[in-house]
């Protein structure tokens, strides 16, 4: 379970990358694609979804 944190204005990139690496997730193969299975109730889901949407738009 992730540590409870106060709402941060900025975080160091090292901290963000570390949290991404330690995130519990499943890599799922579905319909010929790879999907990162986080679960919608995971606190990090919104961040991953937002960044993925930005990557798809480019």
C-alpha atoms as a PDB file:
ATOM      1  CA  UNK A   1       0.000   0.000   0.000  1.00  0.00           C
ATOM      2  CA  UNK A   2       1.317   3.426  -0.913  1.00  0.00           C
ATOM      3  CA  UNK A   3       2.290   5.907   1.752  1.00  0.00           C
ATOM      4  CA  UNK A   4      -0.240   8.614   2.544  1.00  0.00           C
ATOM      5  CA  UNK A   5       1.098  11.961   1.360  1.00  0.00           C
ATOM      6  CA  UNK A   6       0.015  15.542   1.475  1.00  0.00           C
ATOM      7  CA  UNK A   7      -0.928  17.174  -1.812  1.00  0.00           C
ATOM      8  CA  UNK A   8       2.371  18.210  -3.363  1.00  0.00           C
ATOM      9  CA  UNK A   9       2.987  21.109  -5.682  1.00  0.00           C
ATOM     10  CA  UNK A  10       6.153  19.541  -7.126  1.00  0.00           C
ATOM     11  CA  UNK A  11       7.945  16.249  -6.826  1.00  0.00           C
ATOM     12  CA  UNK A  12      11.415  15.304  -7.931  1.00  0.00           C
ATOM     13  CA  UNK A  13      11.533  13.195 -11.077  1.00  0.00           C
ATOM     14  CA  UNK A  14      13.486  10.541  -9.156  1.00  0.00           C
ATOM     15  CA  UNK A  15      10.614  10.220  -6.665  1.00  0.00           C
ATOM     16  CA  UNK A  16       8.007   9.996  -9.415  1.00  0.00           C
ATOM     17  CA  UNK A  17       9.973   7.327 -11.294  1.00  0.00           C
ATOM     18  CA  UNK A  18      10.507   5.359  -8.091  1.00  0.00           C
ATOM     19  CA  UNK A  19       6.777   5.385  -7.353  1.00  0.00           C
ATOM     20  CA  UNK A  20       6.031   4.205 -10.886  1.00  0.00           C
ATOM     21  CA  UNK A  21       8.509   1.333 -10.597  1.00  0.00           C
ATOM     22  CA  UNK A  22       7.147   0.217  -7.226  1.00  0.00           C
ATOM     23  CA  UNK A  23       3.521   0.393  -8.391  1.00  0.00           C
ATOM     24  CA  UNK A  24       1.762  -2.971  -8.224  1.00  0.00           C
ATOM     25  CA  UNK A  25       0.243  -3.697 -11.618  1.00  0.00           C
ATOM     26  CA  UNK A  26      -0.327  -6.494 -14.069  1.00  0.00           C
ATOM     27  CA  UNK A  27       0.772  -6.514 -17.678  1.00  0.00           C
ATOM     28  CA  UNK A  28      -2.169  -8.026 -19.561  1.00  0.00           C
ATOM     29  CA  UNK A  29      -2.314  -9.168 -23.174  1.00  0.00           C
ATOM     30  CA  UNK A  30      -5.828  -8.555 -24.496  1.00  0.00           C
ATOM     31  CA  UNK A  31      -7.135  -8.337 -28.072  1.00  0.00           C
ATOM     32  CA  UNK A  32      -3.623  -8.231 -29.516  1.00  0.00           C
ATOM     33  CA  UNK A  33      -2.534  -5.343 -27.283  1.00  0.00           C
ATOM     34  CA  UNK A  34      -0.627  -4.986 -24.044  1.00  0.00           C
ATOM     35  CA  UNK A  35      -2.568  -3.315 -21.218  1.00  0.00           C
ATOM     36  CA  UNK A  36      -1.257  -2.090 -17.869  1.00  0.00           C
ATOM     37  CA  UNK A  37      -3.741  -3.358 -15.286  1.00  0.00           C
ATOM     38  CA  UNK A  38      -3.719  -0.913 -12.387  1.00  0.00           C
ATOM     39  CA  UNK A  39      -7.351  -0.894 -11.342  1.00  0.00           C
ATOM     40  CA  UNK A  40      -9.518   2.208 -11.456  1.00  0.00           C
ATOM     41  CA  UNK A  41      -9.479   2.700  -7.681  1.00  0.00           C
ATOM     42  CA  UNK A  42      -5.688   2.874  -7.536  1.00  0.00           C
ATOM     43  CA  UNK A  43      -4.461   6.363  -6.547  1.00  0.00           C
ATOM     44  CA  UNK A  44      -1.971   6.361  -9.426  1.00  0.00           C
ATOM     45  CA  UNK A  45      -4.536   5.450 -12.090  1.00  0.00           C
ATOM     46  CA  UNK A  46      -5.487   9.064 -12.858  1.00  0.00           C
ATOM     47  CA  UNK A  47      -1.847  10.066 -13.385  1.00  0.00           C
ATOM     48  CA  UNK A  48      -1.149   7.125 -15.705  1.00  0.00           C
ATOM     49  CA  UNK A  49      -4.361   7.733 -17.658  1.00  0.00           C
ATOM     50  CA  UNK A  50      -3.572  11.439 -18.080  1.00  0.00           C
ATOM     51  CA  UNK A  51      -0.016  10.829 -19.294  1.00  0.00           C
ATOM     52  CA  UNK A  52      -1.099   8.029 -21.605  1.00  0.00           C
ATOM     53  CA  UNK A  53      -3.708  10.311 -23.184  1.00  0.00           C
ATOM     54  CA  UNK A  54      -1.000  12.934 -23.795  1.00  0.00           C
ATOM     55  CA  UNK A  55       1.246  10.339 -25.422  1.00  0.00           C
ATOM     56  CA  UNK A  56      -1.549   9.112 -27.691  1.00  0.00           C
ATOM     57  CA  UNK A  57      -2.329  12.674 -28.810  1.00  0.00           C
ATOM     58  CA  UNK A  58       1.194  13.250 -30.119  1.00  0.00           C
END
